[in-house]
């Protein structure tokens, strides 16, 4: 189960799904209120805990094989993966540059960056194709999240840019991801392997936050991902695949891949 970040969409995992599908059955959903997925039921409070519950319900609906999946997530998706592991709802969890480990000052900076980025995306959405047609334009649109946004195909970059600005649950969800939002690391069962990978070029959630993740998750494997930004699937797909596969702790048989909206 692959979980995207705040304002992102399931297609961000496209560079890594083929390699993962050689070993696992892969599902990459749009989180409720993001991408092509509808908003959650009325009255659902925003935040990682609610999204973890919704993802768990979605997994249960996929059948017994996904009742407790291996979960990998990026950013907000990484925090959700850790929440699923804490609640015993995942067999393993891999969190790539997860939210939940910033200091108060870092949280203010990250929220400011996201506020500016989402309003820029909303303002320029009608011209997304023109903005992302050049490598320089893709750096402008996605450079805050990736180390090599020029590697994203222009059409995909434009779609990512539009989806970021259009996500209906963005504004309500962003304030819930506060400083040190994850504090349940010692509640994760010893039999649930946890991996935290952090891009050493992350300009949104700074790499030093990995040290806090290591303290909060004393049994976790914590590692740096050289050359990777905050969302590294296009920066270095091979490295992302290795981190996720190693994080499962198994050598799985060949299965098939799929994508679906939660």
Protein backbone atom coordinates (compact mmCIF):
# COMPACT_ATOMS: atom_id res chain seq x y z
CA UNK A 1 0.00 0.00 0.00
CA UNK A 2 1.59 3.26 -1.17
CA UNK A 3 0.40 6.52 0.41
CA UNK A 4 1.14 9.94 -1.06
CA UNK A 5 1.70 13.20 0.79
CA UNK A 6 -0.31 16.34 1.50
CA UNK A 7 -1.71 17.76 -1.72
CA UNK A 8 -0.22 15.00 -3.83
CA UNK A 9 -1.87 12.13 -5.74
CA UNK A 10 -1.38 8.43 -6.35
CA UNK A 11 0.42 8.98 -9.66
CA UNK A 12 3.47 10.26 -7.80
CA UNK A 13 4.36 6.58 -7.24
CA UNK A 14 4.36 5.75 -10.99
CA UNK A 15 8.18 5.55 -11.31
CA UNK A 16 8.44 2.83 -8.64
CA UNK A 17 5.30 0.72 -9.16
CA UNK A 18 6.66 -1.47 -12.01
CA UNK A 19 9.67 -2.62 -9.97
CA UNK A 20 7.60 -3.14 -6.82
CA UNK A 21 5.02 -5.08 -8.83
CA UNK A 22 7.68 -7.68 -9.65
CA UNK A 23 7.60 -8.67 -5.95
CA UNK A 24 4.27 -7.53 -4.52
CA UNK A 25 0.67 -6.81 -5.30
CA UNK A 26 0.67 -3.01 -5.20
CA UNK A 27 -2.18 -0.62 -4.51
CA UNK A 28 -1.64 3.16 -4.67
CA UNK A 29 -4.80 5.01 -3.60
CA UNK A 30 -5.65 8.67 -3.68
CA UNK A 31 -6.22 9.70 -0.07
CA UNK A 32 -9.71 11.07 0.65
CA UNK A 33 -9.89 14.74 -0.26
CA UNK A 34 -6.84 14.56 -2.53
CA UNK A 35 -6.17 13.61 -6.14
CA UNK A 36 -9.27 12.09 -7.74
CA UNK A 37 -10.71 10.77 -4.46
CA UNK A 38 -13.87 12.35 -3.01
CA UNK A 39 -14.00 14.06 0.33
CA UNK A 40 -14.48 11.79 3.36
CA UNK A 41 -17.87 11.52 5.05
CA UNK A 42 -19.21 14.76 6.51
CA UNK A 43 -17.98 15.37 10.03
CA UNK A 44 -14.71 13.46 9.60
CA UNK A 45 -12.02 15.44 11.41
CA UNK A 46 -8.95 16.22 9.31
CA UNK A 47 -5.59 14.76 10.25
CA UNK A 48 -3.38 11.70 10.10
CA UNK A 49 -5.41 9.70 12.61
CA UNK A 50 -8.61 10.05 10.57
CA UNK A 51 -6.79 9.30 7.34
CA UNK A 52 -5.19 6.21 8.91
CA UNK A 53 -8.65 4.98 9.90
CA UNK A 54 -10.00 5.63 6.40
CA UNK A 55 -7.03 3.85 4.80
CA UNK A 56 -7.54 0.89 7.15
CA UNK A 57 -11.22 0.69 6.12
CA UNK A 58 -10.21 0.89 2.47
CA UNK A 59 -7.71 -1.95 2.97
CA UNK A 60 -10.33 -4.12 4.65
CA UNK A 61 -12.57 -3.64 1.64
CA UNK A 62 -9.87 -5.03 -0.65
CA UNK A 63 -10.07 -8.46 1.00
CA UNK A 64 -8.06 -10.53 3.48
CA UNK A 65 -4.75 -10.05 1.67
CA UNK A 66 -4.85 -6.33 2.48
CA UNK A 67 -6.33 -6.50 5.98
CA UNK A 68 -2.84 -5.72 7.35
CA UNK A 69 -0.69 -4.62 4.43
CA UNK A 70 2.89 -3.59 4.11
CA UNK A 71 2.59 0.21 3.97
CA UNK A 72 4.95 2.79 2.53
CA UNK A 73 4.18 6.50 2.64
CA UNK A 74 5.76 9.83 1.84
CA UNK A 75 5.39 13.01 3.92
CA UNK A 76 1.82 12.97 5.33
CA UNK A 77 1.55 9.46 3.88
CA UNK A 78 4.62 8.51 5.92
CA UNK A 79 2.98 9.75 9.10
CA UNK A 80 -0.13 7.73 8.21
CA UNK A 81 2.04 4.65 7.67
CA UNK A 82 3.52 5.10 11.14
CA UNK A 83 0.05 5.53 12.65
CA UNK A 84 -1.04 2.29 11.00
CA UNK A 85 2.01 0.51 12.41
CA UNK A 86 1.35 1.93 15.88
CA UNK A 87 -2.21 0.66 15.77
CA UNK A 88 -1.21 -2.81 14.62
CA UNK A 89 -2.85 -2.23 11.24
CA UNK A 90 0.27 -2.78 9.13
CA UNK A 91 2.67 -5.71 8.76
CA UNK A 92 5.50 -3.26 8.13
CA UNK A 93 5.81 0.48 7.66
CA UNK A 94 8.22 2.48 5.53
CA UNK A 95 8.03 6.24 6.00
CA UNK A 96 9.89 8.45 3.52
CA UNK A 97 10.51 11.99 4.82
CA UNK A 98 7.48 11.61 7.11
CA UNK A 99 5.62 14.49 8.68
CA UNK A 100 5.44 14.49 12.44
CA UNK A 101 9.02 15.16 13.57
CA UNK A 102 9.54 18.89 13.05
CA UNK A 103 10.28 21.44 15.74
CA UNK A 104 7.84 24.32 16.29
CA UNK A 105 10.05 26.67 14.28
CA UNK A 106 10.46 24.14 11.46
CA UNK A 107 6.69 23.63 11.41
CA UNK A 108 6.13 27.36 10.90
CA UNK A 109 8.61 27.39 8.01
CA UNK A 110 7.12 24.27 6.39
CA UNK A 111 3.57 25.58 6.69
CA UNK A 112 4.65 28.89 5.19
CA UNK A 113 6.28 27.10 2.26
CA UNK A 114 3.17 24.98 1.70
CA UNK A 115 0.85 27.99 2.01
CA UNK A 116 2.81 29.86 -0.65
CA UNK A 117 3.12 26.79 -2.90
CA UNK A 118 -0.57 25.87 -2.84
CA UNK A 119 -1.70 29.43 -3.54
CA UNK A 120 0.76 29.70 -6.39
CA UNK A 121 -0.60 26.44 -7.82
CA UNK A 122 -4.19 27.69 -7.51
CA UNK A 123 -3.38 30.97 -9.20
CA UNK A 124 -1.44 29.38 -12.07
CA UNK A 125 -3.52 26.20 -12.53
CA UNK A 126 -5.07 27.38 -15.85
CA UNK A 127 -1.55 27.70 -17.27
CA UNK A 128 -0.07 24.55 -15.69
CA UNK A 129 0.86 22.99 -19.04
CA UNK A 130 2.71 26.10 -20.15
CA UNK A 131 4.45 26.50 -16.76
CA UNK A 132 5.75 22.93 -16.70
CA UNK A 133 6.65 22.64 -20.39
CA UNK A 134 10.28 23.58 -19.70
CA UNK A 135 12.75 22.18 -17.21
CA UNK A 136 12.97 25.63 -15.61
CA UNK A 137 9.20 25.71 -15.23
CA UNK A 138 9.19 22.30 -13.57
CA UNK A 139 11.82 23.55 -11.14
CA UNK A 140 9.55 26.51 -10.37
CA UNK A 141 6.46 24.32 -9.87
CA UNK A 142 7.97 21.30 -8.11
CA UNK A 143 11.44 22.30 -6.95
CA UNK A 144 10.34 22.70 -3.36
CA UNK A 145 9.47 19.00 -3.23
CA UNK A 146 12.00 17.26 -5.47
CA UNK A 147 15.71 17.35 -6.00
CA UNK A 148 15.32 16.73 -9.75
CA UNK A 149 11.90 18.01 -10.87
CA UNK A 150 13.26 18.22 -14.42
CA UNK A 151 12.99 14.41 -14.52
CA UNK A 152 9.19 14.55 -14.26
CA UNK A 153 7.50 14.35 -17.70
CA UNK A 154 5.87 17.71 -18.50
CA UNK A 155 2.33 16.31 -18.67
CA UNK A 156 2.73 14.58 -15.29
CA UNK A 157 4.25 17.72 -13.77
CA UNK A 158 1.30 19.78 -14.97
CA UNK A 159 -1.17 17.26 -13.54
CA UNK A 160 0.69 17.21 -10.20
CA UNK A 161 0.68 21.02 -10.10
CA UNK A 162 -3.06 21.20 -10.80
CA UNK A 163 -3.88 18.46 -8.28
CA UNK A 164 -1.86 20.21 -5.59
CA UNK A 165 -3.85 23.40 -6.02
CA UNK A 166 -7.21 21.66 -6.36
CA UNK A 167 -7.07 19.28 -3.35
CA UNK A 168 -10.24 20.13 -1.39
CA UNK A 169 -9.00 18.85 1.99
CA UNK A 170 -5.64 20.62 1.85
CA UNK A 171 -6.41 23.72 3.89
CA UNK A 172 -8.16 21.82 6.68
CA UNK A 173 -5.52 19.09 6.87
CA UNK A 174 -2.34 21.18 6.83
CA UNK A 175 -2.75 22.72 10.34
CA UNK A 176 -3.24 19.25 11.87
CA UNK A 177 0.29 18.17 10.95
CA UNK A 178 2.00 20.01 13.78
CA UNK A 179 5.40 19.81 15.39
CA UNK A 180 6.30 16.37 16.77
CA UNK A 181 2.88 15.08 15.71
CA UNK A 182 3.99 11.45 16.03
CA UNK A 183 4.72 10.29 19.55
CA UNK A 184 3.69 6.64 19.57
CA UNK A 185 6.89 5.01 18.45
CA UNK A 186 7.26 2.84 21.54
CA UNK A 187 3.76 1.48 20.95
CA UNK A 188 4.78 -0.15 17.66
CA UNK A 189 5.00 -3.89 18.22
CA UNK A 190 8.46 -5.39 18.07
CA UNK A 191 7.36 -7.72 15.24
CA UNK A 192 6.40 -4.79 12.97
CA UNK A 193 9.51 -3.58 11.13
CA UNK A 194 9.68 0.19 10.64
CA UNK A 195 11.96 2.01 8.24
CA UNK A 196 12.38 5.77 8.02
CA UNK A 197 14.18 7.09 4.94
CA UNK A 198 14.99 10.77 4.59
CA UNK A 199 16.11 12.59 1.46
CA UNK A 200 19.33 14.43 2.20
CA UNK A 201 18.17 17.20 -0.19
CA UNK A 202 14.76 17.59 1.48
CA UNK A 203 13.97 21.32 1.45
CA UNK A 204 10.54 21.03 3.10
CA UNK A 205 11.09 18.73 6.11
CA UNK A 206 14.76 19.13 6.80
CA UNK A 207 16.98 16.01 7.03
CA UNK A 208 17.96 16.69 10.64
CA UNK A 209 14.42 15.64 11.58
CA UNK A 210 15.55 12.06 10.93
CA UNK A 211 17.42 12.18 14.25
CA UNK A 212 14.17 12.91 16.06
CA UNK A 213 12.48 10.06 14.22
CA UNK A 214 15.25 7.74 15.40
CA UNK A 215 14.69 8.80 19.01
CA UNK A 216 10.91 8.46 18.72
CA UNK A 217 11.18 5.06 17.01
CA UNK A 218 14.01 3.31 18.86
CA UNK A 219 13.60 0.01 16.99
CA UNK A 220 13.30 1.59 13.54
CA UNK A 221 15.87 1.47 10.77
CA UNK A 222 16.61 5.13 9.96
CA UNK A 223 18.65 6.05 6.91
CA UNK A 224 19.54 8.93 4.63
CA UNK A 225 18.64 8.80 0.94
CA UNK A 226 21.47 10.53 -0.98
CA UNK A 227 20.46 12.90 -3.76
CA UNK A 228 16.75 12.76 -2.88
CA UNK A 229 14.36 15.57 -2.10
CA UNK A 230 11.19 15.52 -0.06
CA UNK A 231 9.26 13.47 -2.62
CA UNK A 232 11.95 11.27 -4.20
CA UNK A 233 10.12 8.91 -6.54
CA UNK A 234 11.36 10.75 -9.63
CA UNK A 235 14.69 11.76 -8.06
CA UNK A 236 15.90 8.18 -7.67
CA UNK A 237 13.24 5.49 -8.26
CA UNK A 238 15.71 2.65 -7.79
CA UNK A 239 16.75 3.87 -4.37
CA UNK A 240 13.11 4.33 -3.31
CA UNK A 241 12.31 0.78 -4.41
CA UNK A 242 15.25 -0.63 -2.44
CA UNK A 243 14.24 1.24 0.71
CA UNK A 244 10.65 0.01 0.45
CA UNK A 245 11.53 -3.60 -0.39
CA UNK A 246 14.11 -3.82 2.39
CA UNK A 247 11.58 -2.25 4.74
CA UNK A 248 9.14 -5.13 4.32
CA UNK A 249 11.68 -7.59 5.66
CA UNK A 250 10.56 -10.27 3.20
CA UNK A 251 11.31 -11.58 -0.26
CA UNK A 252 7.82 -11.69 -1.73
CA UNK A 253 6.70 -13.70 -4.77
CA UNK A 254 5.83 -11.98 -7.99
CA UNK A 255 2.36 -10.39 -7.91
CA UNK A 256 0.45 -7.79 -9.92
CA UNK A 257 0.05 -4.03 -9.52
CA UNK A 258 -3.02 -1.86 -9.39
CA UNK A 259 -4.04 1.67 -8.49
CA UNK A 260 -7.29 2.79 -6.99
CA UNK A 261 -8.95 5.75 -5.34
CA UNK A 262 -9.64 5.37 -1.65
